[in-house]
Amino acid sequence: MTNFSDMLSKAKAMQEKMREAQDKIKSIEVQGMSGGNLVTVTLTGDYELKSILISESAKKESQDIINDLIIAAYNNAKENLKKRSAEELSKVTGGLNLPPDFKIPF
C-alpha cells in the first residue's frame, strides 16, 4: 500500500507544480511581428491581446494590408507563446510533452 500512497503524493506534487507552471505561463508576455516589424502585437500568457503597434510606414498601406499584417503578427505571437509555454511546462514535466491545460485527475 505504500507504493500507492507514494504514487499519490508524487501525483499531487506534480499537480501543484503544473498549477504553478500554468500560473507562471499566464504572467508571460510575448510579441509577434510582421512585415519586417511594421506591426507588433503583444499577447499575455492566456492569449489576451495586450497591444498592437502599427508603424507609421504601415499606416500608409491600404486597410486590407494592415489587417493582414495584424493577423500575421498575432499568429507569430501565438506561436511564440506556444513555444514559451512548452518551455515552462517542460521544466516541470522533465521534458514530457503535455498540453498546457493538462489536468491530473485528483
N, C-alpha and C. Protein backbone atom coordinates (compact mmCIF):
# COMPACT_ATOMS: atom_id res chain seq x y z
N MET A 1 0.82 -1.20 0.00
CA MET A 1 0.00 0.00 0.00
C MET A 1 0.86 1.27 0.00
N THR A 2 2.09 1.13 0.45
CA THR A 2 2.98 2.28 0.49
C THR A 2 3.26 2.81 -0.91
N ASN A 3 3.42 1.92 -1.88
CA ASN A 3 3.68 2.35 -3.25
C ASN A 3 2.55 3.22 -3.79
N PHE A 4 1.30 2.83 -3.50
CA PHE A 4 0.17 3.62 -3.97
C PHE A 4 0.15 4.98 -3.29
N SER A 5 0.41 5.01 -1.99
CA SER A 5 0.45 6.28 -1.25
C SER A 5 1.57 7.16 -1.78
N ASP A 6 2.70 6.54 -2.07
CA ASP A 6 3.83 7.28 -2.62
C ASP A 6 3.48 7.84 -3.99
N MET A 7 2.86 7.02 -4.83
CA MET A 7 2.44 7.48 -6.16
C MET A 7 1.44 8.62 -6.05
N LEU A 8 0.51 8.51 -5.12
CA LEU A 8 -0.50 9.54 -4.94
C LEU A 8 0.14 10.85 -4.49
N SER A 9 1.08 10.78 -3.57
CA SER A 9 1.74 12.01 -3.10
C SER A 9 2.58 12.63 -4.21
N LYS A 10 3.24 11.79 -5.04
CA LYS A 10 4.01 12.31 -6.17
C LYS A 10 3.09 12.95 -7.21
N ALA A 11 1.94 12.35 -7.43
CA ALA A 11 0.98 12.91 -8.40
C ALA A 11 0.46 14.25 -7.90
N LYS A 12 0.19 14.34 -6.61
CA LYS A 12 -0.29 15.62 -6.05
C LYS A 12 0.80 16.68 -6.13
N ALA A 13 2.05 16.29 -5.90
CA ALA A 13 3.15 17.24 -6.03
C ALA A 13 3.28 17.71 -7.47
N MET A 14 3.13 16.78 -8.41
CA MET A 14 3.19 17.13 -9.83
C MET A 14 2.04 18.07 -10.19
N GLN A 15 0.87 17.79 -9.65
CA GLN A 15 -0.29 18.65 -9.91
C GLN A 15 -0.03 20.07 -9.42
N GLU A 16 0.57 20.20 -8.26
CA GLU A 16 0.89 21.53 -7.72
C GLU A 16 1.92 22.23 -8.59
N LYS A 17 2.93 21.50 -9.04
CA LYS A 17 3.94 22.08 -9.94
C LYS A 17 3.31 22.52 -11.25
N MET A 18 2.37 21.71 -11.77
CA MET A 18 1.67 22.08 -13.00
C MET A 18 0.86 23.36 -12.79
N ARG A 19 0.19 23.45 -11.65
CA ARG A 19 -0.59 24.65 -11.34
C ARG A 19 0.31 25.89 -11.28
N GLU A 20 1.48 25.73 -10.64
CA GLU A 20 2.43 26.84 -10.57
C GLU A 20 2.92 27.22 -11.96
N ALA A 21 3.21 26.22 -12.79
CA ALA A 21 3.67 26.50 -14.16
C ALA A 21 2.58 27.20 -14.96
N GLN A 22 1.34 26.77 -14.81
CA GLN A 22 0.23 27.40 -15.52
C GLN A 22 0.05 28.85 -15.07
N ASP A 23 0.23 29.11 -13.77
CA ASP A 23 0.15 30.49 -13.27
C ASP A 23 1.29 31.33 -13.84
N LYS A 24 2.47 30.73 -13.91
CA LYS A 24 3.63 31.44 -14.47
C LYS A 24 3.39 31.75 -15.95
N ILE A 25 2.83 30.79 -16.66
CA ILE A 25 2.55 30.99 -18.08
C ILE A 25 1.58 32.15 -18.28
N LYS A 26 0.60 32.28 -17.42
CA LYS A 26 -0.36 33.38 -17.54
C LYS A 26 0.31 34.74 -17.41
N SER A 27 1.43 34.79 -16.69
CA SER A 27 2.11 36.07 -16.50
C SER A 27 3.09 36.40 -17.63
N ILE A 28 3.30 35.45 -18.52
CA ILE A 28 4.22 35.67 -19.65
C ILE A 28 3.60 36.67 -20.63
N GLU A 29 4.46 37.47 -21.22
CA GLU A 29 4.06 38.33 -22.34
C GLU A 29 5.00 38.05 -23.49
N VAL A 30 4.44 37.88 -24.67
CA VAL A 30 5.25 37.64 -25.86
C VAL A 30 4.84 38.63 -26.94
N GLN A 31 5.76 38.84 -27.87
CA GLN A 31 5.47 39.71 -29.00
C GLN A 31 5.53 38.90 -30.29
N GLY A 32 4.74 39.36 -31.22
CA GLY A 32 4.77 38.82 -32.56
C GLY A 32 4.91 39.99 -33.52
N MET A 33 5.64 39.77 -34.59
CA MET A 33 5.88 40.85 -35.55
C MET A 33 5.58 40.37 -36.96
N SER A 34 5.29 41.32 -37.82
CA SER A 34 5.08 41.00 -39.22
C SER A 34 5.53 42.17 -40.08
N GLY A 35 5.73 41.85 -41.35
CA GLY A 35 6.10 42.89 -42.31
C GLY A 35 7.40 43.57 -41.99
N GLY A 36 8.38 42.83 -41.47
CA GLY A 36 9.65 43.46 -41.13
C GLY A 36 9.48 44.48 -40.02
N ASN A 37 8.72 44.13 -39.01
CA ASN A 37 8.44 44.96 -37.83
C ASN A 37 7.50 46.13 -38.11
N LEU A 38 6.72 46.02 -39.17
CA LEU A 38 5.73 47.06 -39.44
C LEU A 38 4.60 47.02 -38.41
N VAL A 39 4.27 45.81 -37.95
CA VAL A 39 3.24 45.62 -36.93
C VAL A 39 3.80 44.72 -35.84
N THR A 40 3.59 45.14 -34.59
CA THR A 40 3.99 44.35 -33.43
C THR A 40 2.78 44.15 -32.53
N VAL A 41 2.56 42.90 -32.15
CA VAL A 41 1.42 42.55 -31.29
C VAL A 41 1.98 41.93 -30.01
N THR A 42 1.40 42.29 -28.87
CA THR A 42 1.79 41.70 -27.60
C THR A 42 0.62 40.89 -27.04
N LEU A 43 0.91 39.63 -26.68
CA LEU A 43 -0.08 38.74 -26.08
C LEU A 43 0.35 38.38 -24.67
N THR A 44 -0.63 38.17 -23.79
CA THR A 44 -0.34 37.64 -22.47
C THR A 44 -0.38 36.11 -22.55
N GLY A 45 0.04 35.47 -21.48
CA GLY A 45 0.10 34.02 -21.44
C GLY A 45 -1.22 33.31 -21.61
N ASP A 46 -2.32 34.02 -21.39
CA ASP A 46 -3.63 33.40 -21.61
C ASP A 46 -4.27 33.91 -22.90
N TYR A 47 -3.39 34.27 -23.86
CA TYR A 47 -3.78 34.67 -25.22
C TYR A 47 -4.62 35.94 -25.27
N GLU A 48 -4.51 36.78 -24.25
CA GLU A 48 -5.21 38.07 -24.29
C GLU A 48 -4.35 39.05 -25.06
N LEU A 49 -4.96 39.73 -26.00
CA LEU A 49 -4.26 40.72 -26.80
C LEU A 49 -4.04 41.96 -25.95
N LYS A 50 -2.78 42.31 -25.73
CA LYS A 50 -2.46 43.44 -24.85
C LYS A 50 -2.21 44.73 -25.63
N SER A 51 -1.54 44.60 -26.78
CA SER A 51 -1.29 45.81 -27.56
C SER A 51 -1.03 45.47 -29.02
N ILE A 52 -1.30 46.47 -29.86
CA ILE A 52 -0.99 46.40 -31.28
C ILE A 52 -0.27 47.70 -31.63
N LEU A 53 0.93 47.59 -32.13
CA LEU A 53 1.68 48.77 -32.56
C LEU A 53 1.83 48.72 -34.07
N ILE A 54 1.38 49.76 -34.71
CA ILE A 54 1.46 49.85 -36.17
C ILE A 54 2.40 51.00 -36.50
N SER A 55 3.45 50.70 -37.25
CA SER A 55 4.43 51.74 -37.60
C SER A 55 3.81 52.76 -38.54
N GLU A 56 4.42 53.91 -38.58
CA GLU A 56 3.93 54.99 -39.45
C GLU A 56 3.95 54.57 -40.92
N SER A 57 4.98 53.83 -41.31
CA SER A 57 5.04 53.40 -42.71
C SER A 57 3.94 52.39 -43.03
N ALA A 58 3.55 51.57 -42.06
CA ALA A 58 2.46 50.62 -42.29
C ALA A 58 1.13 51.36 -42.42
N LYS A 59 0.99 52.45 -41.73
CA LYS A 59 -0.27 53.21 -41.77
C LYS A 59 -0.53 53.81 -43.15
N LYS A 60 0.49 53.86 -43.98
CA LYS A 60 0.32 54.38 -45.34
C LYS A 60 -0.26 53.33 -46.28
N GLU A 61 -0.29 52.08 -45.82
CA GLU A 61 -0.80 50.98 -46.64
C GLU A 61 -2.33 50.95 -46.61
N SER A 62 -2.90 50.14 -47.49
CA SER A 62 -4.35 50.00 -47.52
C SER A 62 -4.83 49.25 -46.28
N GLN A 63 -6.10 49.39 -45.99
CA GLN A 63 -6.67 48.73 -44.81
C GLN A 63 -6.53 47.21 -44.89
N ASP A 64 -6.67 46.66 -46.08
CA ASP A 64 -6.52 45.21 -46.25
C ASP A 64 -5.12 44.74 -45.88
N ILE A 65 -4.12 45.49 -46.29
CA ILE A 65 -2.73 45.12 -45.98
C ILE A 65 -2.48 45.25 -44.48
N ILE A 66 -2.97 46.32 -43.88
CA ILE A 66 -2.82 46.49 -42.43
C ILE A 66 -3.48 45.33 -41.68
N ASN A 67 -4.68 44.96 -42.10
CA ASN A 67 -5.37 43.83 -41.47
C ASN A 67 -4.54 42.56 -41.59
N ASP A 68 -3.99 42.30 -42.77
CA ASP A 68 -3.16 41.11 -42.96
C ASP A 68 -1.92 41.15 -42.08
N LEU A 69 -1.32 42.32 -41.93
CA LEU A 69 -0.14 42.46 -41.08
C LEU A 69 -0.49 42.20 -39.61
N ILE A 70 -1.64 42.68 -39.17
CA ILE A 70 -2.07 42.45 -37.79
C ILE A 70 -2.31 40.96 -37.55
N ILE A 71 -2.98 40.33 -38.49
CA ILE A 71 -3.25 38.89 -38.36
C ILE A 71 -1.94 38.11 -38.32
N ALA A 72 -1.02 38.45 -39.20
CA ALA A 72 0.27 37.74 -39.24
C ALA A 72 1.05 37.97 -37.95
N ALA A 73 1.02 39.18 -37.42
CA ALA A 73 1.72 39.47 -36.16
C ALA A 73 1.09 38.71 -35.01
N TYR A 74 -0.24 38.63 -34.98
CA TYR A 74 -0.93 37.87 -33.95
C TYR A 74 -0.55 36.39 -34.02
N ASN A 75 -0.57 35.84 -35.23
CA ASN A 75 -0.22 34.43 -35.41
C ASN A 75 1.23 34.16 -34.99
N ASN A 76 2.12 35.10 -35.27
CA ASN A 76 3.51 34.97 -34.86
C ASN A 76 3.61 35.00 -33.33
N ALA A 77 2.87 35.90 -32.70
CA ALA A 77 2.87 35.98 -31.23
C ALA A 77 2.30 34.70 -30.63
N LYS A 78 1.25 34.17 -31.24
CA LYS A 78 0.64 32.93 -30.74
C LYS A 78 1.65 31.78 -30.79
N GLU A 79 2.40 31.68 -31.87
CA GLU A 79 3.42 30.63 -31.98
C GLU A 79 4.51 30.83 -30.94
N ASN A 80 4.92 32.09 -30.73
CA ASN A 80 5.93 32.38 -29.72
C ASN A 80 5.43 32.00 -28.33
N LEU A 81 4.16 32.25 -28.06
CA LEU A 81 3.57 31.91 -26.77
C LEU A 81 3.51 30.40 -26.58
N LYS A 82 3.16 29.68 -27.63
CA LYS A 82 3.13 28.21 -27.54
C LYS A 82 4.51 27.67 -27.19
N LYS A 83 5.55 28.23 -27.81
CA LYS A 83 6.92 27.78 -27.54
C LYS A 83 7.31 28.08 -26.10
N ARG A 84 7.02 29.31 -25.65
CA ARG A 84 7.37 29.68 -24.27
C ARG A 84 6.61 28.84 -23.27
N SER A 85 5.32 28.57 -23.55
CA SER A 85 4.51 27.74 -22.66
C SER A 85 5.08 26.33 -22.58
N ALA A 86 5.46 25.80 -23.72
CA ALA A 86 6.03 24.45 -23.75
C ALA A 86 7.34 24.40 -22.97
N GLU A 87 8.14 25.46 -23.06
CA GLU A 87 9.39 25.52 -22.30
C GLU A 87 9.11 25.49 -20.80
N GLU A 88 8.14 26.28 -20.37
CA GLU A 88 7.80 26.32 -18.94
C GLU A 88 7.27 24.98 -18.46
N LEU A 89 6.41 24.35 -19.24
CA LEU A 89 5.87 23.06 -18.86
C LEU A 89 6.95 21.99 -18.86
N SER A 90 7.89 22.09 -19.77
CA SER A 90 8.97 21.12 -19.86
C SER A 90 9.82 21.15 -18.60
N LYS A 91 9.97 22.32 -18.00
CA LYS A 91 10.73 22.43 -16.75
C LYS A 91 10.07 21.61 -15.65
N VAL A 92 8.75 21.59 -15.64
CA VAL A 92 8.00 20.88 -14.60
C VAL A 92 7.92 19.39 -14.90
N THR A 93 7.70 19.05 -16.15
CA THR A 93 7.43 17.65 -16.51
C THR A 93 8.68 16.87 -16.88
N GLY A 94 9.81 17.52 -16.86
CA GLY A 94 11.03 16.81 -17.22
C GLY A 94 11.11 16.44 -18.68
N GLY A 95 10.49 17.23 -19.53
CA GLY A 95 10.57 17.00 -20.97
C GLY A 95 9.38 16.30 -21.57
N LEU A 96 8.42 15.86 -20.76
CA LEU A 96 7.22 15.25 -21.33
C LEU A 96 6.44 16.32 -22.07
N ASN A 97 5.91 16.01 -23.21
CA ASN A 97 5.14 16.97 -24.00
C ASN A 97 3.67 16.92 -23.61
N LEU A 98 3.33 17.52 -22.47
CA LEU A 98 1.95 17.56 -22.02
C LEU A 98 1.32 18.86 -22.48
N PRO A 99 0.03 18.85 -22.80
CA PRO A 99 -0.63 20.10 -23.20
C PRO A 99 -0.71 21.07 -22.02
N PRO A 100 -0.73 22.38 -22.28
CA PRO A 100 -0.76 23.38 -21.20
C PRO A 100 -1.96 23.24 -20.26
N ASP A 101 -3.05 22.68 -20.73
CA ASP A 101 -4.24 22.56 -19.90
C ASP A 101 -4.37 21.16 -19.30
N PHE A 102 -3.29 20.38 -19.29
CA PHE A 102 -3.32 19.01 -18.77
C PHE A 102 -3.69 19.03 -17.29
N LYS A 103 -4.60 18.17 -16.89
CA LYS A 103 -5.05 18.08 -15.51
C LYS A 103 -4.82 16.65 -15.01
N ILE A 104 -4.21 16.54 -13.85
CA ILE A 104 -4.09 15.23 -13.20
C ILE A 104 -5.43 14.97 -12.51
N PRO A 105 -6.01 13.78 -12.67
CA PRO A 105 -7.39 13.56 -12.24
C PRO A 105 -7.61 13.34 -10.75
N PHE A 106 -6.93 14.10 -9.87
CA PHE A 106 -7.28 14.07 -8.46
C PHE A 106 -6.96 15.37 -7.81
